[in-house]
Every structure is written in C-alpha cells, then in structure tokens.
Amino acid sequence: MPYLLISTQIRMEAGPTMVGDEHSDPTLMSFLGATKRNVLGNHFWEYYVNDAPRIVLDKLESRGYRVVSMTGVGQTLVWCLHKE
C-alpha cells in the first residue's frame, strides 16, 4: 500500500492521531503502536495512536513515507503520504 492517510481533530499538538482504516497494513500499524477501534455510530474500524501527528510523521518518514499533501477540513487536519 503506497498511500496512507493520517488525521487528527481539533488540536494537532496532542493526540490521538488516526493512522489507518480496517484495511491498513497490520505490520505498519504495529510499528506505529496503533490500536484498532470502532467509534459508536460508525460502521467502520480505524487505527489510532495517542501520539501527536508530528511523532507519527517522523516514524513514517523513517519507513520511507513522504507527505504528498495536507489540508484542513473543518476541525480535522489530514495528511496524505506516499511510499515509493
């Protein structure tokens, strides 16, 4: 999976950071220390870590991921990363 989306809501100085969906690479999710959860009212699962986005981005860079784009959507920040 060469593309990865991560996001955080409201504050980017603190976690949690969403790092994947139910189809994400389990090995990468384990490397990030991510936990799989289902939020009440959602019909999908997501992986999250309690780390701030900067920590997650540093970890992903060490694995060869690079930020392609970043945007804000309401109170949510989203980063799109790609691995060559």
Protein backbone atom coordinates (compact mmCIF):
# COMPACT_ATOMS: atom_id res chain seq x y z
CA MET A 1 0.00 0.00 0.00
CA PRO A 2 1.91 3.04 -1.16
CA TYR A 3 -0.64 5.66 0.03
CA LEU A 4 -1.57 6.42 3.62
CA LEU A 5 -3.93 9.00 5.15
CA ILE A 6 -3.49 10.20 8.72
CA SER A 7 -5.62 12.76 10.51
CA THR A 8 -6.23 14.48 13.79
CA GLN A 9 -9.13 16.52 15.12
CA ILE A 10 -9.22 19.90 16.87
CA ARG A 11 -5.59 20.10 18.13
CA MET A 12 -2.51 18.92 16.31
CA GLU A 13 -0.17 19.43 19.30
CA ALA A 14 -1.64 16.40 21.05
CA GLY A 15 -3.08 13.05 20.04
CA PRO A 16 -4.84 10.97 19.19
CA THR A 17 -3.88 10.61 15.54
CA MET A 18 -5.87 8.39 13.19
CA VAL A 19 -3.35 6.35 11.20
CA GLY A 20 -5.35 3.86 9.16
CA ASP A 21 -8.55 2.09 8.34
CA GLU A 22 -9.62 -1.54 8.74
CA HIS A 23 -7.74 -2.47 5.54
CA SER A 24 -4.39 -0.95 6.58
CA ASP A 25 -1.15 -2.94 6.72
CA PRO A 26 -1.14 -4.67 10.15
CA THR A 27 2.68 -4.67 10.25
CA LEU A 28 2.83 -0.90 9.75
CA MET A 29 0.06 -0.37 12.30
CA SER A 30 2.02 -2.45 14.81
CA PHE A 31 5.18 -0.40 14.11
CA LEU A 32 3.20 2.78 14.88
CA GLY A 33 1.77 1.23 18.06
CA ALA A 34 -1.75 1.68 16.70
CA THR A 35 -4.90 0.28 18.24
CA LYS A 36 -7.92 -0.74 16.16
CA ARG A 37 -11.25 0.69 17.33
CA ASN A 38 -14.83 1.21 16.28
CA VAL A 39 -16.35 4.50 17.42
CA LEU A 40 -20.00 4.31 18.45
CA GLY A 41 -22.19 5.28 15.50
CA ASN A 42 -19.57 4.46 12.84
CA HIS A 43 -19.94 1.33 10.72
CA PHE A 44 -16.17 1.08 10.09
CA TRP A 45 -13.00 0.42 12.08
CA GLU A 46 -9.98 2.72 12.34
CA TYR A 47 -6.48 2.58 13.77
CA TYR A 48 -5.29 5.32 16.08
CA VAL A 49 -2.32 6.19 18.30
CA ASN A 50 -2.17 8.59 21.23
CA ASP A 51 0.89 10.31 19.71
CA ALA A 52 0.73 13.79 18.18
CA PRO A 53 0.80 13.90 14.36
CA ARG A 54 4.42 15.15 14.34
CA ILE A 55 5.58 11.98 16.12
CA VAL A 56 3.62 9.81 13.66
CA LEU A 57 5.02 11.71 10.66
CA ASP A 58 8.57 11.24 11.98
CA LYS A 59 8.01 7.49 12.38
CA LEU A 60 6.51 7.18 8.89
CA GLU A 61 9.40 9.14 7.36
CA SER A 62 11.80 6.57 8.85
CA ARG A 63 9.83 3.93 6.90
CA GLY A 64 10.14 5.81 3.59
CA TYR A 65 6.82 7.69 3.54
CA ARG A 66 6.72 11.29 2.30
CA VAL A 67 3.95 13.87 2.69
CA VAL A 68 2.21 14.49 -0.64
CA SER A 69 -0.41 16.94 0.63
CA MET A 70 -2.04 18.30 3.75
CA THR A 71 -5.36 20.05 4.26
CA GLY A 72 -7.79 21.17 6.91
CA VAL A 73 -11.41 20.03 6.80
CA GLY A 74 -13.46 21.77 9.48
CA GLN A 75 -11.68 20.93 12.74
CA THR A 76 -9.81 18.00 11.18
CA LEU A 77 -6.31 18.04 9.68
CA VAL A 78 -5.45 15.39 7.07
CA TRP A 79 -2.09 14.37 5.64
CA CYS A 80 -1.68 12.19 2.55
CA LEU A 81 1.59 10.25 2.43
CA HIS A 82 3.16 8.11 -0.29
CA LYS A 83 5.87 5.47 -0.15
CA GLU A 84 7.99 4.90 -3.25
